[in-house]
């Protein structure tokens, strides 16, 4: 596991400390890893939602992927 040092604001430090005090995080490192994981999940959800929007709005390609790749590669 890699360790990094990141400057944070006093407000961010208070939020992390509150997570630890409330028991939502085991320690400060866990709180930060948890936040990063949640951001990662949020990004994945947003990508799915964007894909669904594209489908609804007709911004999709249908057909054989190899043929489509050749057609749109040029």
C-alpha atoms as a PDB file:
ATOM      1  CA  UNK A   1       0.000   0.000   0.000  1.00  0.00           C
ATOM      2  CA  UNK A   2       1.262   3.459  -0.886  1.00  0.00           C
ATOM      3  CA  UNK A   3       1.232   6.381   1.519  1.00  0.00           C
ATOM      4  CA  UNK A   4       0.705   9.929   0.277  1.00  0.00           C
ATOM      5  CA  UNK A   5       0.719  13.296   2.033  1.00  0.00           C
ATOM      6  CA  UNK A   6      -2.011  15.709   1.068  1.00  0.00           C
ATOM      7  CA  UNK A   7      -2.624  19.140   2.541  1.00  0.00           C
ATOM      8  CA  UNK A   8      -6.235  19.534   3.723  1.00  0.00           C
ATOM      9  CA  UNK A   9      -8.248  22.404   5.097  1.00  0.00           C
ATOM     10  CA  UNK A  10      -9.268  22.682   8.729  1.00  0.00           C
ATOM     11  CA  UNK A  11     -12.862  21.986   7.696  1.00  0.00           C
ATOM     12  CA  UNK A  12     -11.815  18.767   5.932  1.00  0.00           C
ATOM     13  CA  UNK A  13      -9.802  17.680   8.966  1.00  0.00           C
ATOM     14  CA  UNK A  14     -12.794  18.311  11.218  1.00  0.00           C
ATOM     15  CA  UNK A  15     -14.994  16.245   8.904  1.00  0.00           C
ATOM     16  CA  UNK A  16     -12.493  13.355   8.991  1.00  0.00           C
ATOM     17  CA  UNK A  17     -12.201  13.574  12.780  1.00  0.00           C
ATOM     18  CA  UNK A  18     -15.997  13.583  13.080  1.00  0.00           C
ATOM     19  CA  UNK A  19     -16.202  10.419  10.961  1.00  0.00           C
ATOM     20  CA  UNK A  20     -13.744   8.718  13.296  1.00  0.00           C
ATOM     21  CA  UNK A  21     -15.476   9.970  16.461  1.00  0.00           C
ATOM     22  CA  UNK A  22     -18.880   8.816  15.205  1.00  0.00           C
ATOM     23  CA  UNK A  23     -17.520   5.347  14.449  1.00  0.00           C
ATOM     24  CA  UNK A  24     -18.202   5.612  10.710  1.00  0.00           C
ATOM     25  CA  UNK A  25     -14.460   5.244  10.139  1.00  0.00           C
ATOM     26  CA  UNK A  26     -11.960   3.260  12.165  1.00  0.00           C
ATOM     27  CA  UNK A  27      -9.289   5.949  11.828  1.00  0.00           C
ATOM     28  CA  UNK A  28      -8.298   8.913   9.670  1.00  0.00           C
ATOM     29  CA  UNK A  29      -6.779   6.764   6.933  1.00  0.00           C
ATOM     30  CA  UNK A  30      -9.924   4.648   6.770  1.00  0.00           C
ATOM     31  CA  UNK A  31     -12.036   7.806   6.468  1.00  0.00           C
ATOM     32  CA  UNK A  32      -9.986   9.022   3.503  1.00  0.00           C
ATOM     33  CA  UNK A  33      -9.990   5.595   1.797  1.00  0.00           C
ATOM     34  CA  UNK A  34     -13.759   5.425   2.351  1.00  0.00           C
ATOM     35  CA  UNK A  35     -14.231   8.850   0.749  1.00  0.00           C
ATOM     36  CA  UNK A  36     -12.126   7.868  -2.253  1.00  0.00           C
ATOM     37  CA  UNK A  37     -14.102   4.643  -2.657  1.00  0.00           C
ATOM     38  CA  UNK A  38     -17.389   6.552  -2.523  1.00  0.00           C
ATOM     39  CA  UNK A  39     -16.128   8.996  -5.164  1.00  0.00           C
ATOM     40  CA  UNK A  40     -15.112   6.064  -7.354  1.00  0.00           C
ATOM     41  CA  UNK A  41     -18.588   4.533  -6.988  1.00  0.00           C
ATOM     42  CA  UNK A  42     -20.215   7.884  -7.756  1.00  0.00           C
ATOM     43  CA  UNK A  43     -18.150   8.216 -10.938  1.00  0.00           C
ATOM     44  CA  UNK A  44     -19.206   4.708 -12.034  1.00  0.00           C
ATOM     45  CA  UNK A  45     -22.880   5.477 -11.358  1.00  0.00           C
ATOM     46  CA  UNK A  46     -22.629   8.742 -13.294  1.00  0.00           C
ATOM     47  CA  UNK A  47     -21.089   6.897 -16.257  1.00  0.00           C
ATOM     48  CA  UNK A  48     -24.006   4.439 -16.291  1.00  0.00           C
ATOM     49  CA  UNK A  49     -26.541   7.258 -16.025  1.00  0.00           C
ATOM     50  CA  UNK A  50     -24.839   9.113 -18.875  1.00  0.00           C
ATOM     51  CA  UNK A  51     -24.960   5.950 -20.985  1.00  0.00           C
ATOM     52  CA  UNK A  52     -28.671   5.566 -20.257  1.00  0.00           C
ATOM     53  CA  UNK A  53     -29.210   9.217 -21.241  1.00  0.00           C
ATOM     54  CA  UNK A  54     -27.346   8.630 -24.494  1.00  0.00           C
ATOM     55  CA  UNK A  55     -29.575   5.638 -25.248  1.00  0.00           C
ATOM     56  CA  UNK A  56     -32.764   7.593 -24.499  1.00  0.00           C
ATOM     57  CA  UNK A  57     -31.613  10.480 -26.686  1.00  0.00           C
ATOM     58  CA  UNK A  58     -30.537   8.241 -29.559  1.00  0.00           C
ATOM     59  CA  UNK A  59     -26.809   8.914 -29.256  1.00  0.00           C
ATOM     60  CA  UNK A  60     -25.814   5.292 -29.742  1.00  0.00           C
ATOM     61  CA  UNK A  61     -24.405   3.066 -32.472  1.00  0.00           C
ATOM     62  CA  UNK A  62     -25.989  -0.277 -33.168  1.00  0.00           C
ATOM     63  CA  UNK A  63     -24.434  -3.191 -34.986  1.00  0.00           C
ATOM     64  CA  UNK A  64     -21.305  -5.279 -35.155  1.00  0.00           C
ATOM     65  CA  UNK A  65     -18.550  -3.545 -33.187  1.00  0.00           C
ATOM     66  CA  UNK A  66     -15.820  -4.518 -35.665  1.00  0.00           C
ATOM     67  CA  UNK A  67     -17.795  -3.081 -38.611  1.00  0.00           C
ATOM     68  CA  UNK A  68     -18.607   0.082 -36.667  1.00  0.00           C
ATOM     69  CA  UNK A  69     -14.951   0.525 -35.687  1.00  0.00           C
ATOM     70  CA  UNK A  70     -13.884   0.276 -39.338  1.00  0.00           C
ATOM     71  CA  UNK A  71     -16.636   2.639 -40.459  1.00  0.00           C
ATOM     72  CA  UNK A  72     -15.867   5.358 -37.903  1.00  0.00           C
ATOM     73  CA  UNK A  73     -12.087   4.925 -37.742  1.00  0.00           C
ATOM     74  CA  UNK A  74     -11.448   7.173 -40.717  1.00  0.00           C
END
